[in-house]
Amino acid sequence: MGEFEQLILTALMILRENAYGMTIHEEVEKLAAGFRVVSLGACYTTLDRLEQKGHVRSWFGGATDERGGRSKRFFEITGSGEKALKNALRVADNMVAGLREIGGLV
């Protein structure tokens, strides 16, 4: 699982029922602040890919006047998405521990 996919899944876990395109984009920008530029298009592309993998599910909410009659597309992490994220984070923890053992991280 790639770093950006991990960022997206983390944002979904943080946002819970408030996870839709713009809020996900904003949360990922916060998580990646100073390390990478995040485009809204990259978020949607990654969300679609994660949905194809079964790690995310989406649905459309009701249309709202504030959005010109358009509906929001909401997202949530699935059980397999949570498992994949937890596994990826465990691997990252192992890498950090290994580098600390050799003095590779300060």
N, C-alpha and C. Protein backbone atom coordinates (compact mmCIF):
# COMPACT_ATOMS: atom_id res chain seq x y z
N MET A 1 0.84 -1.17 0.00
CA MET A 1 0.00 0.00 0.00
C MET A 1 0.89 1.23 0.00
N GLY A 2 0.57 2.16 -0.90
CA GLY A 2 1.37 3.36 -1.02
C GLY A 2 1.11 4.39 0.07
N GLU A 3 2.06 5.30 0.20
CA GLU A 3 1.97 6.35 1.22
C GLU A 3 0.70 7.19 1.07
N PHE A 4 0.35 7.54 -0.17
CA PHE A 4 -0.82 8.39 -0.36
C PHE A 4 -2.10 7.64 0.00
N GLU A 5 -2.14 6.35 -0.32
CA GLU A 5 -3.29 5.54 0.08
C GLU A 5 -3.41 5.49 1.60
N GLN A 6 -2.28 5.39 2.28
CA GLN A 6 -2.29 5.41 3.74
C GLN A 6 -2.82 6.74 4.27
N LEU A 7 -2.42 7.83 3.64
CA LEU A 7 -2.92 9.15 4.05
C LEU A 7 -4.43 9.24 3.88
N ILE A 8 -4.93 8.76 2.76
CA ILE A 8 -6.37 8.81 2.49
C ILE A 8 -7.14 7.98 3.51
N LEU A 9 -6.69 6.75 3.77
CA LEU A 9 -7.37 5.89 4.73
C LEU A 9 -7.32 6.48 6.14
N THR A 10 -6.20 7.08 6.49
CA THR A 10 -6.09 7.74 7.80
C THR A 10 -7.09 8.89 7.90
N ALA A 11 -7.20 9.68 6.85
CA ALA A 11 -8.16 10.78 6.84
C ALA A 11 -9.59 10.27 7.02
N LEU A 12 -9.92 9.16 6.36
CA LEU A 12 -11.26 8.59 6.50
C LEU A 12 -11.53 8.16 7.94
N MET A 13 -10.53 7.59 8.58
CA MET A 13 -10.72 7.17 9.97
C MET A 13 -10.89 8.37 10.89
N ILE A 14 -10.18 9.45 10.62
CA ILE A 14 -10.29 10.66 11.43
C ILE A 14 -11.64 11.34 11.22
N LEU A 15 -12.07 11.44 9.97
CA LEU A 15 -13.28 12.20 9.63
C LEU A 15 -14.58 11.45 9.93
N ARG A 16 -14.53 10.14 9.90
CA ARG A 16 -15.71 9.29 10.13
C ARG A 16 -16.86 9.69 9.22
N GLU A 17 -18.03 10.05 9.80
CA GLU A 17 -19.22 10.32 8.98
C GLU A 17 -19.14 11.64 8.22
N ASN A 18 -18.11 12.43 8.44
CA ASN A 18 -17.95 13.70 7.73
C ASN A 18 -16.95 13.59 6.58
N ALA A 19 -16.74 12.39 6.06
CA ALA A 19 -15.74 12.16 5.02
C ALA A 19 -16.36 12.26 3.63
N TYR A 20 -16.13 13.38 2.98
CA TYR A 20 -16.49 13.58 1.58
C TYR A 20 -15.36 14.32 0.92
N GLY A 21 -15.40 14.45 -0.39
CA GLY A 21 -14.27 14.95 -1.17
C GLY A 21 -13.46 16.08 -0.56
N MET A 22 -14.12 17.21 -0.27
CA MET A 22 -13.38 18.38 0.21
C MET A 22 -12.81 18.17 1.61
N THR A 23 -13.56 17.54 2.51
CA THR A 23 -13.04 17.34 3.86
C THR A 23 -11.88 16.35 3.86
N ILE A 24 -11.97 15.35 2.99
CA ILE A 24 -10.87 14.38 2.88
C ILE A 24 -9.62 15.10 2.36
N HIS A 25 -9.79 15.90 1.32
CA HIS A 25 -8.67 16.66 0.76
C HIS A 25 -8.03 17.55 1.82
N GLU A 26 -8.84 18.27 2.59
CA GLU A 26 -8.32 19.15 3.63
C GLU A 26 -7.57 18.38 4.71
N GLU A 27 -8.12 17.23 5.11
CA GLU A 27 -7.46 16.42 6.15
C GLU A 27 -6.14 15.85 5.65
N VAL A 28 -6.11 15.39 4.41
CA VAL A 28 -4.87 14.86 3.85
C VAL A 28 -3.83 15.98 3.74
N GLU A 29 -4.25 17.19 3.37
CA GLU A 29 -3.32 18.32 3.33
C GLU A 29 -2.73 18.57 4.71
N LYS A 30 -3.54 18.48 5.76
CA LYS A 30 -3.03 18.67 7.12
C LYS A 30 -2.02 17.58 7.48
N LEU A 31 -2.38 16.33 7.17
CA LEU A 31 -1.50 15.21 7.51
C LEU A 31 -0.17 15.28 6.76
N ALA A 32 -0.18 15.78 5.54
CA ALA A 32 1.02 15.82 4.70
C ALA A 32 1.69 17.19 4.70
N ALA A 33 1.24 18.09 5.54
CA ALA A 33 1.73 19.48 5.55
C ALA A 33 3.25 19.53 5.58
N GLY A 34 3.81 20.26 4.62
CA GLY A 34 5.25 20.44 4.55
C GLY A 34 5.99 19.31 3.87
N PHE A 35 5.30 18.23 3.53
CA PHE A 35 5.98 17.08 2.93
C PHE A 35 5.58 16.83 1.48
N ARG A 36 4.36 17.22 1.12
CA ARG A 36 3.91 17.02 -0.25
C ARG A 36 2.73 17.91 -0.55
N VAL A 37 2.56 18.20 -1.84
CA VAL A 37 1.41 18.96 -2.31
C VAL A 37 0.31 17.96 -2.63
N VAL A 38 -0.92 18.29 -2.24
CA VAL A 38 -2.04 17.37 -2.42
C VAL A 38 -3.09 18.03 -3.30
N SER A 39 -3.43 17.39 -4.41
CA SER A 39 -4.48 17.93 -5.27
C SER A 39 -5.78 17.19 -5.00
N LEU A 40 -6.89 17.87 -5.22
CA LEU A 40 -8.20 17.26 -5.04
C LEU A 40 -8.36 16.09 -6.00
N GLY A 41 -7.88 16.24 -7.23
CA GLY A 41 -7.97 15.18 -8.22
C GLY A 41 -7.24 13.92 -7.79
N ALA A 42 -6.07 14.08 -7.17
CA ALA A 42 -5.31 12.92 -6.69
C ALA A 42 -6.08 12.21 -5.59
N CYS A 43 -6.78 12.98 -4.75
CA CYS A 43 -7.60 12.36 -3.69
C CYS A 43 -8.70 11.50 -4.30
N TYR A 44 -9.42 12.06 -5.28
CA TYR A 44 -10.52 11.30 -5.89
C TYR A 44 -10.01 10.07 -6.64
N THR A 45 -8.91 10.21 -7.34
CA THR A 45 -8.33 9.07 -8.06
C THR A 45 -7.96 7.96 -7.09
N THR A 46 -7.35 8.33 -5.97
CA THR A 46 -6.94 7.35 -4.98
C THR A 46 -8.15 6.73 -4.29
N LEU A 47 -9.17 7.54 -3.99
CA LEU A 47 -10.40 7.01 -3.39
C LEU A 47 -11.05 5.99 -4.32
N ASP A 48 -11.09 6.29 -5.61
CA ASP A 48 -11.66 5.34 -6.58
C ASP A 48 -10.86 4.04 -6.61
N ARG A 49 -9.53 4.16 -6.59
CA ARG A 49 -8.67 2.97 -6.60
C ARG A 49 -8.87 2.15 -5.32
N LEU A 50 -8.97 2.82 -4.18
CA LEU A 50 -9.18 2.12 -2.92
C LEU A 50 -10.56 1.46 -2.89
N GLU A 51 -11.54 2.08 -3.54
CA GLU A 51 -12.86 1.47 -3.60
C GLU A 51 -12.83 0.21 -4.47
N GLN A 52 -12.08 0.25 -5.57
CA GLN A 52 -11.94 -0.93 -6.43
C GLN A 52 -11.26 -2.08 -5.69
N LYS A 53 -10.35 -1.74 -4.78
CA LYS A 53 -9.66 -2.76 -3.99
C LYS A 53 -10.52 -3.27 -2.84
N GLY A 54 -11.63 -2.62 -2.57
CA GLY A 54 -12.51 -3.02 -1.47
C GLY A 54 -12.15 -2.41 -0.13
N HIS A 55 -11.24 -1.43 -0.11
CA HIS A 55 -10.81 -0.80 1.14
C HIS A 55 -11.69 0.39 1.53
N VAL A 56 -12.50 0.86 0.60
CA VAL A 56 -13.34 2.03 0.81
C VAL A 56 -14.69 1.76 0.15
N ARG A 57 -15.74 2.32 0.72
CA ARG A 57 -17.03 2.30 0.04
C ARG A 57 -17.54 3.73 -0.01
N SER A 58 -18.35 4.03 -1.03
CA SER A 58 -18.87 5.39 -1.18
C SER A 58 -20.36 5.35 -1.52
N TRP A 59 -21.01 6.46 -1.27
CA TRP A 59 -22.42 6.64 -1.61
C TRP A 59 -22.69 8.14 -1.73
N PHE A 60 -23.79 8.46 -2.38
CA PHE A 60 -24.17 9.85 -2.55
C PHE A 60 -25.23 10.24 -1.54
N GLY A 61 -25.02 11.37 -0.88
CA GLY A 61 -26.01 11.92 0.03
C GLY A 61 -27.04 12.69 -0.77
N GLY A 62 -27.97 13.29 -0.08
CA GLY A 62 -29.01 14.07 -0.74
C GLY A 62 -28.47 15.35 -1.34
N ALA A 63 -29.15 15.86 -2.36
CA ALA A 63 -28.77 17.12 -3.00
C ALA A 63 -29.00 18.27 -2.02
N THR A 64 -28.14 19.28 -2.09
CA THR A 64 -28.27 20.44 -1.21
C THR A 64 -28.28 21.72 -2.03
N ASP A 65 -29.00 22.71 -1.53
CA ASP A 65 -29.05 24.02 -2.19
C ASP A 65 -27.68 24.69 -2.19
N GLU A 66 -26.95 24.52 -1.09
CA GLU A 66 -25.63 25.15 -0.98
C GLU A 66 -24.66 24.65 -2.04
N ARG A 67 -24.92 23.47 -2.61
CA ARG A 67 -24.06 22.92 -3.65
C ARG A 67 -24.73 22.99 -5.02
N GLY A 68 -25.70 23.87 -5.16
CA GLY A 68 -26.37 24.03 -6.45
C GLY A 68 -27.19 22.81 -6.85
N GLY A 69 -27.73 22.11 -5.88
CA GLY A 69 -28.55 20.94 -6.17
C GLY A 69 -27.77 19.66 -6.36
N ARG A 70 -26.44 19.73 -6.23
CA ARG A 70 -25.61 18.53 -6.37
C ARG A 70 -25.50 17.82 -5.02
N SER A 71 -25.29 16.53 -5.06
CA SER A 71 -25.13 15.77 -3.82
C SER A 71 -23.66 15.51 -3.53
N LYS A 72 -23.35 15.33 -2.25
CA LYS A 72 -21.99 15.00 -1.84
C LYS A 72 -21.79 13.49 -1.96
N ARG A 73 -20.57 13.13 -2.33
CA ARG A 73 -20.20 11.71 -2.34
C ARG A 73 -19.43 11.44 -1.05
N PHE A 74 -20.00 10.61 -0.21
CA PHE A 74 -19.39 10.27 1.07
C PHE A 74 -18.58 8.98 0.94
N PHE A 75 -17.58 8.86 1.81
CA PHE A 75 -16.69 7.70 1.81
C PHE A 75 -16.52 7.17 3.22
N GLU A 76 -16.29 5.86 3.31
CA GLU A 76 -15.90 5.27 4.58
C GLU A 76 -14.93 4.13 4.33
N ILE A 77 -14.06 3.93 5.30
CA ILE A 77 -13.11 2.83 5.23
C ILE A 77 -13.85 1.53 5.58
N THR A 78 -13.50 0.46 4.90
CA THR A 78 -14.10 -0.85 5.18
C THR A 78 -13.20 -1.62 6.15
N GLY A 79 -13.67 -2.77 6.58
CA GLY A 79 -12.86 -3.62 7.45
C GLY A 79 -11.55 -4.02 6.80
N SER A 80 -11.59 -4.34 5.52
CA SER A 80 -10.34 -4.72 4.83
C SER A 80 -9.41 -3.51 4.69
N GLY A 81 -9.99 -2.31 4.57
CA GLY A 81 -9.18 -1.10 4.51
C GLY A 81 -8.48 -0.83 5.83
N GLU A 82 -9.22 -1.02 6.93
CA GLU A 82 -8.60 -0.84 8.25
C GLU A 82 -7.48 -1.84 8.46
N LYS A 83 -7.71 -3.08 8.06
CA LYS A 83 -6.68 -4.11 8.21
C LYS A 83 -5.45 -3.78 7.38
N ALA A 84 -5.66 -3.35 6.13
CA ALA A 84 -4.54 -3.01 5.26
C ALA A 84 -3.75 -1.83 5.83
N LEU A 85 -4.45 -0.83 6.36
CA LEU A 85 -3.77 0.33 6.95
C LEU A 85 -2.98 -0.09 8.18
N LYS A 86 -3.57 -0.87 9.05
CA LYS A 86 -2.87 -1.33 10.26
C LYS A 86 -1.62 -2.13 9.90
N ASN A 87 -1.73 -3.01 8.90
CA ASN A 87 -0.57 -3.78 8.46
C ASN A 87 0.53 -2.88 7.91
N ALA A 88 0.15 -1.89 7.10
CA ALA A 88 1.13 -0.97 6.53
C ALA A 88 1.83 -0.17 7.64
N LEU A 89 1.08 0.22 8.65
CA LEU A 89 1.67 0.98 9.75
C LEU A 89 2.59 0.11 10.60
N ARG A 90 2.25 -1.16 10.74
CA ARG A 90 3.14 -2.08 11.47
C ARG A 90 4.47 -2.25 10.73
N VAL A 91 4.39 -2.38 9.42
CA VAL A 91 5.61 -2.49 8.61
C VAL A 91 6.46 -1.23 8.77
N ALA A 92 5.81 -0.06 8.73
CA ALA A 92 6.53 1.21 8.90
C ALA A 92 7.18 1.26 10.28
N ASP A 93 6.48 0.81 11.32
CA ASP A 93 7.06 0.77 12.66
C ASP A 93 8.29 -0.13 12.70
N ASN A 94 8.21 -1.28 12.02
CA ASN A 94 9.35 -2.19 11.96
C ASN A 94 10.54 -1.54 11.27
N MET A 95 10.28 -0.79 10.20
CA MET A 95 11.36 -0.11 9.49
C MET A 95 12.02 0.93 10.39
N VAL A 96 11.22 1.71 11.10
CA VAL A 96 11.76 2.73 12.02
C VAL A 96 12.59 2.06 13.10
N ALA A 97 12.08 0.98 13.68
CA ALA A 97 12.81 0.26 14.72
C ALA A 97 14.15 -0.26 14.18
N GLY A 98 14.13 -0.81 12.98
CA GLY A 98 15.36 -1.31 12.38
C GLY A 98 16.38 -0.22 12.16
N LEU A 99 15.93 0.93 11.69
CA LEU A 99 16.85 2.05 11.48
C LEU A 99 17.38 2.61 12.79
N ARG A 100 16.55 2.63 13.81
CA ARG A 100 17.01 3.11 15.12
C ARG A 100 18.08 2.19 15.68
N GLU A 101 17.93 0.88 15.45
CA GLU A 101 18.92 -0.09 15.94
C GLU A 101 20.30 0.18 15.38
N ILE A 102 20.39 0.66 14.17
CA ILE A 102 21.70 0.92 13.56
C ILE A 102 22.10 2.39 13.66
N GLY A 103 21.31 3.18 14.37
CA GLY A 103 21.62 4.59 14.52
C GLY A 103 21.27 5.40 13.30
N GLY A 104 20.38 4.86 12.46
CA GLY A 104 20.01 5.55 11.23
C GLY A 104 19.00 6.64 11.40
N LEU A 105 18.36 6.70 12.55
CA LEU A 105 17.39 7.78 12.83
C LEU A 105 17.76 8.44 14.14
N VAL A 106 17.66 9.73 14.14
CA VAL A 106 17.97 10.48 15.37
C VAL A 106 16.68 10.88 16.04
